[in-house]
N, C-alpha and C. Protein backbone atom coordinates (compact mmCIF):
# COMPACT_ATOMS: atom_id res chain seq x y z
N MET A 1 -6.04 -20.95 -32.69
CA MET A 1 -6.33 -19.83 -31.82
C MET A 1 -6.03 -18.55 -32.59
N SER A 2 -6.96 -17.61 -32.58
CA SER A 2 -6.75 -16.35 -33.28
C SER A 2 -5.80 -15.45 -32.48
N LYS A 3 -5.32 -14.41 -33.14
CA LYS A 3 -4.39 -13.49 -32.47
C LYS A 3 -5.05 -12.83 -31.27
N GLY A 4 -6.31 -12.45 -31.43
CA GLY A 4 -7.02 -11.79 -30.34
C GLY A 4 -7.16 -12.67 -29.12
N LYS A 5 -7.49 -13.95 -29.34
CA LYS A 5 -7.62 -14.88 -28.22
C LYS A 5 -6.28 -15.07 -27.51
N GLY A 6 -5.22 -15.19 -28.28
CA GLY A 6 -3.90 -15.34 -27.69
C GLY A 6 -3.49 -14.12 -26.88
N LEU A 7 -3.78 -12.93 -27.42
CA LEU A 7 -3.45 -11.70 -26.71
C LEU A 7 -4.27 -11.57 -25.42
N LEU A 8 -5.55 -11.93 -25.48
CA LEU A 8 -6.38 -11.85 -24.28
C LEU A 8 -5.95 -12.86 -23.22
N THR A 9 -5.53 -14.03 -23.65
CA THR A 9 -5.03 -15.02 -22.69
C THR A 9 -3.74 -14.53 -22.04
N ALA A 10 -2.81 -14.02 -22.85
CA ALA A 10 -1.56 -13.48 -22.31
C ALA A 10 -1.83 -12.29 -21.39
N ALA A 11 -2.77 -11.44 -21.79
CA ALA A 11 -3.12 -10.28 -20.97
C ALA A 11 -3.68 -10.71 -19.62
N GLY A 12 -4.56 -11.71 -19.63
CA GLY A 12 -5.13 -12.20 -18.39
C GLY A 12 -4.08 -12.78 -17.46
N ILE A 13 -3.15 -13.53 -18.01
CA ILE A 13 -2.08 -14.12 -17.20
C ILE A 13 -1.18 -13.03 -16.62
N LEU A 14 -0.79 -12.06 -17.45
CA LEU A 14 0.05 -10.95 -16.96
C LEU A 14 -0.66 -10.15 -15.87
N THR A 15 -1.94 -9.88 -16.08
CA THR A 15 -2.70 -9.10 -15.10
C THR A 15 -2.86 -9.88 -13.79
N LEU A 16 -3.12 -11.17 -13.87
CA LEU A 16 -3.24 -11.97 -12.66
C LEU A 16 -1.92 -12.04 -11.90
N ILE A 17 -0.82 -12.19 -12.61
CA ILE A 17 0.50 -12.20 -11.96
C ILE A 17 0.76 -10.86 -11.29
N ALA A 18 0.48 -9.76 -12.00
CA ALA A 18 0.70 -8.43 -11.44
C ALA A 18 -0.19 -8.16 -10.24
N THR A 19 -1.42 -8.65 -10.29
CA THR A 19 -2.37 -8.37 -9.21
C THR A 19 -2.07 -9.19 -7.96
N PHE A 20 -1.78 -10.47 -8.12
CA PHE A 20 -1.69 -11.35 -6.97
C PHE A 20 -0.28 -11.71 -6.53
N LEU A 21 0.72 -11.53 -7.38
CA LEU A 21 2.06 -11.98 -7.02
C LEU A 21 3.11 -10.88 -6.91
N LEU A 22 2.91 -9.74 -7.57
CA LEU A 22 3.94 -8.70 -7.63
C LEU A 22 3.49 -7.40 -6.99
N SER A 23 4.45 -6.63 -6.51
CA SER A 23 4.18 -5.27 -6.03
C SER A 23 4.36 -4.29 -7.17
N TRP A 24 3.64 -3.16 -7.08
CA TRP A 24 3.70 -2.15 -8.14
C TRP A 24 4.66 -1.03 -7.79
N PHE A 25 4.64 -0.56 -6.56
CA PHE A 25 5.62 0.40 -6.06
C PHE A 25 5.57 0.38 -4.55
N THR A 26 6.50 1.06 -3.92
CA THR A 26 6.53 1.11 -2.46
C THR A 26 6.43 2.56 -2.01
N PHE A 27 5.89 2.76 -0.82
CA PHE A 27 5.86 4.09 -0.24
C PHE A 27 6.26 3.97 1.22
N ASN A 28 6.75 5.06 1.75
CA ASN A 28 7.24 5.08 3.12
C ASN A 28 6.21 5.81 3.98
N PHE A 29 5.56 5.09 4.85
CA PHE A 29 4.59 5.65 5.78
C PHE A 29 4.92 5.08 7.14
N GLY A 30 6.00 5.58 7.72
CA GLY A 30 6.51 5.01 8.97
C GLY A 30 7.38 3.80 8.67
N THR A 31 6.80 2.83 7.98
CA THR A 31 7.55 1.68 7.50
C THR A 31 7.30 1.56 6.00
N ILE A 32 8.05 0.73 5.35
CA ILE A 32 7.89 0.55 3.91
C ILE A 32 6.67 -0.33 3.66
N HIS A 33 5.78 0.13 2.81
CA HIS A 33 4.59 -0.62 2.43
C HIS A 33 4.61 -0.83 0.93
N GLY A 34 4.37 -2.05 0.51
CA GLY A 34 4.26 -2.34 -0.91
C GLY A 34 2.84 -2.16 -1.37
N VAL A 35 2.68 -1.59 -2.56
CA VAL A 35 1.36 -1.39 -3.14
C VAL A 35 1.11 -2.54 -4.11
N ASN A 36 0.04 -3.30 -3.87
CA ASN A 36 -0.25 -4.48 -4.68
C ASN A 36 -1.71 -4.85 -4.56
N GLY A 37 -2.13 -5.82 -5.36
CA GLY A 37 -3.52 -6.24 -5.36
C GLY A 37 -3.95 -6.93 -4.08
N ILE A 38 -3.05 -7.65 -3.44
CA ILE A 38 -3.39 -8.34 -2.19
C ILE A 38 -3.70 -7.32 -1.10
N GLY A 39 -2.91 -6.25 -1.03
CA GLY A 39 -3.20 -5.19 -0.08
C GLY A 39 -4.54 -4.54 -0.38
N GLY A 40 -4.88 -4.40 -1.66
CA GLY A 40 -6.17 -3.85 -2.04
C GLY A 40 -7.32 -4.72 -1.57
N ILE A 41 -7.16 -6.04 -1.72
CA ILE A 41 -8.20 -6.97 -1.28
C ILE A 41 -8.40 -6.86 0.23
N LYS A 42 -7.31 -6.83 0.98
CA LYS A 42 -7.41 -6.72 2.43
C LYS A 42 -8.08 -5.41 2.83
N ASN A 43 -7.72 -4.31 2.17
CA ASN A 43 -8.27 -3.02 2.53
C ASN A 43 -9.70 -2.84 2.06
N VAL A 44 -10.09 -3.46 0.94
CA VAL A 44 -11.48 -3.34 0.50
C VAL A 44 -12.40 -4.07 1.48
N ILE A 45 -11.93 -5.14 2.05
CA ILE A 45 -12.71 -5.82 3.09
C ILE A 45 -12.86 -4.89 4.29
N GLY A 46 -11.79 -4.17 4.63
CA GLY A 46 -11.86 -3.20 5.71
C GLY A 46 -12.80 -2.04 5.41
N ILE A 47 -12.85 -1.61 4.16
CA ILE A 47 -13.76 -0.52 3.79
C ILE A 47 -15.20 -0.95 4.01
N PHE A 48 -15.56 -2.15 3.58
CA PHE A 48 -16.94 -2.60 3.70
C PHE A 48 -17.31 -3.10 5.09
N THR A 49 -16.32 -3.22 5.97
CA THR A 49 -16.63 -3.63 7.34
C THR A 49 -16.41 -2.50 8.33
N GLY A 50 -16.58 -1.26 7.88
CA GLY A 50 -16.56 -0.13 8.79
C GLY A 50 -15.34 0.77 8.73
N GLY A 51 -14.44 0.56 7.80
CA GLY A 51 -13.24 1.39 7.72
C GLY A 51 -13.37 2.61 6.84
N THR A 52 -14.58 2.92 6.40
CA THR A 52 -14.78 4.05 5.50
C THR A 52 -14.35 5.36 6.14
N ARG A 53 -14.67 5.55 7.41
CA ARG A 53 -14.29 6.80 8.09
C ARG A 53 -12.78 6.96 8.15
N TYR A 54 -12.09 5.87 8.43
CA TYR A 54 -10.62 5.93 8.50
C TYR A 54 -10.03 6.37 7.16
N TYR A 55 -10.46 5.73 6.07
CA TYR A 55 -9.92 6.07 4.76
C TYR A 55 -10.36 7.46 4.32
N SER A 56 -11.57 7.87 4.70
CA SER A 56 -12.03 9.22 4.37
C SER A 56 -11.15 10.26 5.03
N LYS A 57 -10.83 10.05 6.28
CA LYS A 57 -9.98 10.99 7.01
C LYS A 57 -8.53 10.92 6.51
N TYR A 58 -8.04 9.72 6.30
CA TYR A 58 -6.64 9.52 5.88
C TYR A 58 -6.39 10.11 4.49
N LEU A 59 -7.31 9.89 3.56
CA LEU A 59 -7.13 10.37 2.19
C LEU A 59 -7.79 11.72 1.95
N ASN A 60 -8.51 12.23 2.96
CA ASN A 60 -9.20 13.51 2.85
C ASN A 60 -10.19 13.50 1.68
N LEU A 61 -10.98 12.44 1.62
CA LEU A 61 -11.98 12.27 0.58
C LEU A 61 -13.33 11.98 1.22
N PRO A 62 -14.43 12.30 0.53
CA PRO A 62 -15.75 11.95 1.06
C PRO A 62 -15.98 10.44 1.02
N SER A 63 -16.94 9.98 1.80
CA SER A 63 -17.21 8.54 1.90
C SER A 63 -17.59 7.92 0.57
N TRP A 64 -18.36 8.63 -0.25
CA TRP A 64 -18.77 8.07 -1.53
C TRP A 64 -17.55 7.82 -2.43
N ALA A 65 -16.51 8.64 -2.31
CA ALA A 65 -15.30 8.43 -3.11
C ALA A 65 -14.57 7.17 -2.66
N ILE A 66 -14.61 6.88 -1.37
CA ILE A 66 -13.97 5.67 -0.85
C ILE A 66 -14.67 4.44 -1.42
N TYR A 67 -16.00 4.49 -1.54
CA TYR A 67 -16.72 3.36 -2.12
C TYR A 67 -16.41 3.19 -3.61
N ILE A 68 -16.20 4.29 -4.31
CA ILE A 68 -15.79 4.20 -5.72
C ILE A 68 -14.42 3.54 -5.82
N ILE A 69 -13.50 3.91 -4.92
CA ILE A 69 -12.18 3.28 -4.89
C ILE A 69 -12.32 1.78 -4.63
N ALA A 70 -13.22 1.41 -3.73
CA ALA A 70 -13.45 -0.01 -3.43
C ALA A 70 -13.96 -0.75 -4.66
N ILE A 71 -14.84 -0.13 -5.42
CA ILE A 71 -15.35 -0.75 -6.65
C ILE A 71 -14.22 -0.92 -7.66
N ILE A 72 -13.33 0.06 -7.75
CA ILE A 72 -12.19 -0.05 -8.66
C ILE A 72 -11.28 -1.19 -8.24
N ILE A 73 -11.07 -1.35 -6.94
CA ILE A 73 -10.24 -2.46 -6.45
C ILE A 73 -10.87 -3.79 -6.82
N ILE A 74 -12.18 -3.93 -6.61
CA ILE A 74 -12.86 -5.18 -6.97
C ILE A 74 -12.76 -5.43 -8.46
N TRP A 75 -12.92 -4.38 -9.26
CA TRP A 75 -12.81 -4.49 -10.72
C TRP A 75 -11.41 -4.95 -11.11
N LEU A 76 -10.38 -4.40 -10.45
CA LEU A 76 -9.01 -4.80 -10.75
C LEU A 76 -8.77 -6.27 -10.39
N VAL A 77 -9.28 -6.70 -9.26
CA VAL A 77 -9.10 -8.10 -8.85
C VAL A 77 -9.76 -9.04 -9.86
N ALA A 78 -10.90 -8.65 -10.39
CA ALA A 78 -11.62 -9.49 -11.36
C ALA A 78 -11.09 -9.34 -12.78
N SER A 79 -10.29 -8.32 -13.06
CA SER A 79 -9.93 -7.99 -14.44
C SER A 79 -9.13 -9.09 -15.15
N GLY A 80 -8.23 -9.76 -14.47
CA GLY A 80 -7.48 -10.84 -15.12
C GLY A 80 -8.38 -11.97 -15.56
N PHE A 81 -9.35 -12.28 -14.72
CA PHE A 81 -10.32 -13.33 -15.07
C PHE A 81 -11.22 -12.87 -16.21
N LEU A 82 -11.61 -11.58 -16.19
CA LEU A 82 -12.44 -11.04 -17.27
C LEU A 82 -11.70 -11.08 -18.61
N GLN A 83 -10.41 -10.81 -18.56
CA GLN A 83 -9.62 -10.85 -19.80
C GLN A 83 -9.58 -12.26 -20.37
N ILE A 84 -9.41 -13.24 -19.52
CA ILE A 84 -9.39 -14.62 -20.00
C ILE A 84 -10.77 -15.02 -20.51
N LEU A 85 -11.83 -14.61 -19.82
CA LEU A 85 -13.19 -14.89 -20.30
C LEU A 85 -13.47 -14.16 -21.61
N GLY A 86 -12.74 -13.09 -21.85
CA GLY A 86 -12.93 -12.32 -23.06
C GLY A 86 -12.47 -13.01 -24.33
N ARG A 87 -11.91 -14.19 -24.20
CA ARG A 87 -11.51 -14.96 -25.39
C ARG A 87 -12.73 -15.25 -26.25
N ASN A 88 -13.86 -15.50 -25.63
CA ASN A 88 -15.08 -15.80 -26.37
C ASN A 88 -15.97 -14.58 -26.58
N LYS A 89 -15.88 -13.62 -25.70
CA LYS A 89 -16.64 -12.39 -25.81
C LYS A 89 -15.67 -11.22 -25.63
N PRO A 90 -15.16 -10.68 -26.75
CA PRO A 90 -14.11 -9.67 -26.69
C PRO A 90 -14.47 -8.42 -25.88
N LYS A 91 -15.74 -8.06 -25.82
CA LYS A 91 -16.13 -6.87 -25.05
C LYS A 91 -15.84 -7.07 -23.57
N ILE A 92 -16.00 -8.28 -23.08
CA ILE A 92 -15.67 -8.57 -21.68
C ILE A 92 -14.17 -8.41 -21.46
N GLY A 93 -13.36 -8.85 -22.44
CA GLY A 93 -11.91 -8.69 -22.35
C GLY A 93 -11.50 -7.23 -22.32
N ILE A 94 -12.19 -6.40 -23.10
CA ILE A 94 -11.89 -4.97 -23.10
C ILE A 94 -12.27 -4.35 -21.77
N ILE A 95 -13.44 -4.72 -21.24
CA ILE A 95 -13.87 -4.20 -19.94
C ILE A 95 -12.87 -4.60 -18.85
N GLY A 96 -12.36 -5.82 -18.93
CA GLY A 96 -11.38 -6.28 -17.95
C GLY A 96 -10.01 -5.64 -18.11
N SER A 97 -9.74 -5.02 -19.25
CA SER A 97 -8.43 -4.44 -19.51
C SER A 97 -8.33 -2.96 -19.17
N ILE A 98 -9.46 -2.31 -19.00
CA ILE A 98 -9.45 -0.86 -18.79
C ILE A 98 -8.75 -0.47 -17.50
N ILE A 99 -9.15 -1.04 -16.38
CA ILE A 99 -8.61 -0.65 -15.07
C ILE A 99 -7.13 -1.01 -14.93
N PRO A 100 -6.66 -2.21 -15.31
CA PRO A 100 -5.22 -2.46 -15.20
C PRO A 100 -4.39 -1.48 -16.03
N PHE A 101 -4.89 -1.15 -17.22
CA PHE A 101 -4.16 -0.21 -18.07
C PHE A 101 -4.11 1.17 -17.42
N ILE A 102 -5.24 1.64 -16.92
CA ILE A 102 -5.28 2.98 -16.31
C ILE A 102 -4.41 3.04 -15.05
N ILE A 103 -4.51 2.03 -14.20
CA ILE A 103 -3.71 2.03 -12.97
C ILE A 103 -2.22 1.95 -13.30
N GLY A 104 -1.84 1.09 -14.22
CA GLY A 104 -0.43 1.02 -14.63
C GLY A 104 0.05 2.32 -15.23
N LEU A 105 -0.78 2.96 -16.02
CA LEU A 105 -0.42 4.24 -16.64
C LEU A 105 -0.25 5.34 -15.59
N ILE A 106 -1.14 5.40 -14.62
CA ILE A 106 -1.04 6.41 -13.56
C ILE A 106 0.25 6.21 -12.76
N ILE A 107 0.56 4.98 -12.43
CA ILE A 107 1.79 4.71 -11.67
C ILE A 107 3.01 5.10 -12.49
N MET A 108 3.01 4.76 -13.78
CA MET A 108 4.15 5.11 -14.65
C MET A 108 4.29 6.63 -14.79
N LEU A 109 3.18 7.34 -14.99
CA LEU A 109 3.25 8.79 -15.10
C LEU A 109 3.79 9.41 -13.82
N ASN A 110 3.38 8.88 -12.68
CA ASN A 110 3.90 9.37 -11.41
C ASN A 110 5.39 9.08 -11.29
N ALA A 111 5.83 7.91 -11.73
CA ALA A 111 7.25 7.54 -11.65
C ALA A 111 8.10 8.44 -12.54
N PHE A 112 7.53 8.90 -13.64
CA PHE A 112 8.27 9.80 -14.53
C PHE A 112 8.13 11.26 -14.13
N GLY A 113 7.47 11.52 -13.00
CA GLY A 113 7.47 12.85 -12.41
C GLY A 113 6.42 13.82 -12.91
N PHE A 114 5.30 13.34 -13.38
CA PHE A 114 4.23 14.25 -13.78
C PHE A 114 3.61 14.83 -12.51
N PRO A 115 3.73 16.13 -12.30
CA PRO A 115 3.34 16.73 -11.02
C PRO A 115 1.84 16.72 -10.74
N PHE A 116 1.00 16.62 -11.75
CA PHE A 116 -0.44 16.66 -11.51
C PHE A 116 -0.94 15.42 -10.80
N LEU A 117 -0.11 14.40 -10.67
CA LEU A 117 -0.51 13.17 -9.99
C LEU A 117 -0.03 13.11 -8.55
N GLY A 118 0.58 14.18 -8.06
CA GLY A 118 1.17 14.17 -6.73
C GLY A 118 0.21 13.77 -5.63
N TYR A 119 -0.96 14.41 -5.56
CA TYR A 119 -1.93 14.08 -4.53
C TYR A 119 -2.72 12.83 -4.90
N PHE A 120 -3.00 12.68 -6.17
CA PHE A 120 -3.83 11.57 -6.61
C PHE A 120 -3.20 10.22 -6.30
N ILE A 121 -1.88 10.15 -6.30
CA ILE A 121 -1.20 8.88 -6.06
C ILE A 121 -1.45 8.39 -4.62
N ARG A 122 -1.85 9.30 -3.71
CA ARG A 122 -2.17 8.89 -2.34
C ARG A 122 -3.33 7.90 -2.30
N VAL A 123 -4.20 7.98 -3.31
CA VAL A 123 -5.33 7.06 -3.37
C VAL A 123 -4.84 5.62 -3.43
N PHE A 124 -3.67 5.41 -4.04
CA PHE A 124 -3.13 4.06 -4.16
C PHE A 124 -2.63 3.51 -2.83
N HIS A 125 -2.59 4.33 -1.78
CA HIS A 125 -2.22 3.82 -0.47
C HIS A 125 -3.27 2.84 0.04
N VAL A 126 -4.47 2.89 -0.54
CA VAL A 126 -5.49 1.91 -0.19
C VAL A 126 -5.04 0.51 -0.62
N PHE A 127 -4.17 0.43 -1.63
CA PHE A 127 -3.63 -0.85 -2.06
C PHE A 127 -2.45 -1.28 -1.21
N GLY A 128 -1.97 -0.42 -0.34
CA GLY A 128 -0.78 -0.71 0.44
C GLY A 128 -1.07 -1.60 1.63
N ASP A 129 -0.14 -2.44 1.93
CA ASP A 129 -0.28 -3.32 3.06
C ASP A 129 1.11 -3.68 3.54
N GLY A 130 1.34 -3.53 4.83
CA GLY A 130 2.65 -3.82 5.37
C GLY A 130 2.88 -5.28 5.70
N VAL A 131 1.84 -6.11 5.61
CA VAL A 131 1.95 -7.52 5.98
C VAL A 131 1.90 -8.37 4.71
N PRO A 132 3.02 -9.03 4.36
CA PRO A 132 2.99 -9.88 3.17
C PRO A 132 2.17 -11.14 3.41
N LEU A 133 1.68 -11.70 2.33
CA LEU A 133 0.91 -12.94 2.43
C LEU A 133 1.84 -14.09 2.83
N ILE A 134 2.97 -14.21 2.12
CA ILE A 134 4.02 -15.17 2.47
C ILE A 134 5.32 -14.36 2.52
N GLU A 135 5.92 -14.29 3.67
CA GLU A 135 7.09 -13.45 3.90
C GLU A 135 8.19 -13.69 2.86
N GLY A 136 8.57 -12.63 2.16
CA GLY A 136 9.64 -12.69 1.18
C GLY A 136 9.27 -13.32 -0.15
N LEU A 137 8.03 -13.79 -0.29
CA LEU A 137 7.65 -14.47 -1.52
C LEU A 137 6.43 -13.84 -2.19
N ILE A 138 5.36 -13.63 -1.46
CA ILE A 138 4.14 -13.04 -2.04
C ILE A 138 3.70 -11.90 -1.15
N PRO A 139 3.63 -10.72 -1.64
CA PRO A 139 3.95 -10.25 -2.98
C PRO A 139 5.46 -10.10 -3.15
N LEU A 140 5.90 -10.33 -4.35
CA LEU A 140 7.31 -10.27 -4.68
C LEU A 140 7.68 -8.83 -5.04
N HIS A 141 8.71 -8.31 -4.40
CA HIS A 141 9.16 -6.96 -4.65
C HIS A 141 10.40 -7.02 -5.54
N ILE A 142 10.23 -6.72 -6.82
CA ILE A 142 11.36 -6.68 -7.75
C ILE A 142 11.53 -5.23 -8.17
N THR A 143 12.49 -4.56 -7.55
CA THR A 143 12.70 -3.15 -7.83
C THR A 143 13.65 -2.97 -9.00
N LEU A 144 13.50 -1.86 -9.65
CA LEU A 144 14.38 -1.49 -10.74
C LEU A 144 15.35 -0.43 -10.20
N THR A 145 16.62 -0.57 -10.49
CA THR A 145 17.63 0.31 -9.95
C THR A 145 17.34 1.76 -10.34
N GLY A 146 17.24 2.61 -9.34
CA GLY A 146 17.02 4.03 -9.58
C GLY A 146 15.58 4.39 -9.92
N ARG A 147 14.65 3.48 -9.80
CA ARG A 147 13.25 3.73 -10.15
C ARG A 147 12.37 3.56 -8.91
N THR A 148 11.23 4.26 -8.90
CA THR A 148 10.30 4.12 -7.78
C THR A 148 9.29 3.01 -8.03
N GLU A 149 8.99 2.75 -9.29
CA GLU A 149 8.03 1.68 -9.59
C GLU A 149 8.75 0.34 -9.60
N GLU A 150 7.98 -0.71 -9.50
CA GLU A 150 8.54 -2.06 -9.51
C GLU A 150 8.07 -2.79 -10.76
N ILE A 151 8.54 -3.99 -10.95
CA ILE A 151 8.27 -4.76 -12.17
C ILE A 151 6.77 -5.07 -12.32
N GLY A 152 6.04 -5.13 -11.21
CA GLY A 152 4.61 -5.38 -11.26
C GLY A 152 3.84 -4.31 -12.03
N THR A 153 4.34 -3.08 -12.00
CA THR A 153 3.70 -1.99 -12.76
C THR A 153 3.76 -2.28 -14.25
N TYR A 154 4.88 -2.77 -14.71
CA TYR A 154 5.04 -3.07 -16.13
C TYR A 154 4.16 -4.25 -16.54
N PHE A 155 4.04 -5.24 -15.67
CA PHE A 155 3.15 -6.37 -15.95
C PHE A 155 1.71 -5.89 -16.03
N LEU A 156 1.32 -5.02 -15.11
CA LEU A 156 -0.05 -4.50 -15.09
C LEU A 156 -0.34 -3.67 -16.33
N LEU A 157 0.57 -2.79 -16.68
CA LEU A 157 0.40 -1.94 -17.87
C LEU A 157 0.38 -2.77 -19.14
N LEU A 158 1.28 -3.71 -19.25
CA LEU A 158 1.33 -4.57 -20.44
C LEU A 158 0.10 -5.47 -20.53
N GLY A 159 -0.36 -6.00 -19.41
CA GLY A 159 -1.57 -6.82 -19.41
C GLY A 159 -2.78 -6.03 -19.86
N GLY A 160 -2.91 -4.81 -19.39
CA GLY A 160 -4.03 -3.97 -19.82
C GLY A 160 -3.94 -3.61 -21.30
N LEU A 161 -2.75 -3.28 -21.76
CA LEU A 161 -2.57 -2.91 -23.17
C LEU A 161 -2.83 -4.10 -24.10
N LEU A 162 -2.27 -5.25 -23.76
CA LEU A 162 -2.52 -6.45 -24.58
C LEU A 162 -3.99 -6.83 -24.59
N GLY A 163 -4.67 -6.65 -23.46
CA GLY A 163 -6.09 -6.96 -23.40
C GLY A 163 -6.92 -6.02 -24.27
N LEU A 164 -6.57 -4.74 -24.27
CA LEU A 164 -7.28 -3.79 -25.12
C LEU A 164 -7.07 -4.11 -26.60
N ILE A 165 -5.83 -4.41 -26.97
CA ILE A 165 -5.53 -4.76 -28.37
C ILE A 165 -6.20 -6.09 -28.73
N GLY A 166 -6.08 -7.09 -27.87
CA GLY A 166 -6.67 -8.40 -28.14
C GLY A 166 -8.19 -8.34 -28.25
N GLY A 167 -8.82 -7.53 -27.42
CA GLY A 167 -10.27 -7.38 -27.50
C GLY A 167 -10.71 -6.67 -28.76
N LYS A 168 -9.86 -5.78 -29.24
CA LYS A 168 -10.20 -5.04 -30.45
C LYS A 168 -10.06 -5.90 -31.70
N VAL A 169 -9.03 -6.75 -31.76
CA VAL A 169 -8.79 -7.55 -32.98
C VAL A 169 -9.52 -8.89 -32.96
N SER A 170 -10.03 -9.27 -31.81
CA SER A 170 -10.70 -10.57 -31.70
C SER A 170 -12.10 -10.51 -32.29
N LYS A 171 -12.50 -11.60 -32.86
CA LYS A 171 -13.85 -11.75 -33.42
C LYS A 171 -14.68 -12.59 -32.46
N PRO A 172 -15.86 -12.12 -32.08
CA PRO A 172 -16.68 -12.91 -31.15
C PRO A 172 -17.20 -14.19 -31.80
N GLU A 173 -17.32 -15.24 -30.98
CA GLU A 173 -17.86 -16.50 -31.43
C GLU A 173 -19.31 -16.64 -30.96
N TYR A 174 -20.13 -17.18 -31.79
CA TYR A 174 -21.56 -17.34 -31.44
C TYR A 174 -21.94 -18.79 -31.41
């Protein structure tokens, strides 16, 4: 196995764990809500079944922007699988690594207090969900002492970064 294939496989596994098993950060909106991929899946279904007006009003964005957010959520859900498929076609691995890297980077920049992300981080409330899939187990909330982000953010960022590097150094097979 080449280095690129190994990196893309590791990236896919990290991204899938971050998307489906871990929370990225929490926000307080009446009650504590964890931001994670499972919440995104639940809310994207709501967007396509008539919830566009709610999210438009809640986030103060036009309807077309809500659909772009929904496409990003779908892309993120598929990204771990795309990274693993990228073992044979590195361009697919790179495409699958872009969104996890960007989302992880935005969350990290917000956690370190970059003020230009103050309003933009509200968009991630679309990933929030107050109802866990399995109570106390999925999504898993592993907080870092004194930090706003959770361990899932690091998995997401690392998965995206490894996927970008692995896609770049990997040689396609024909």
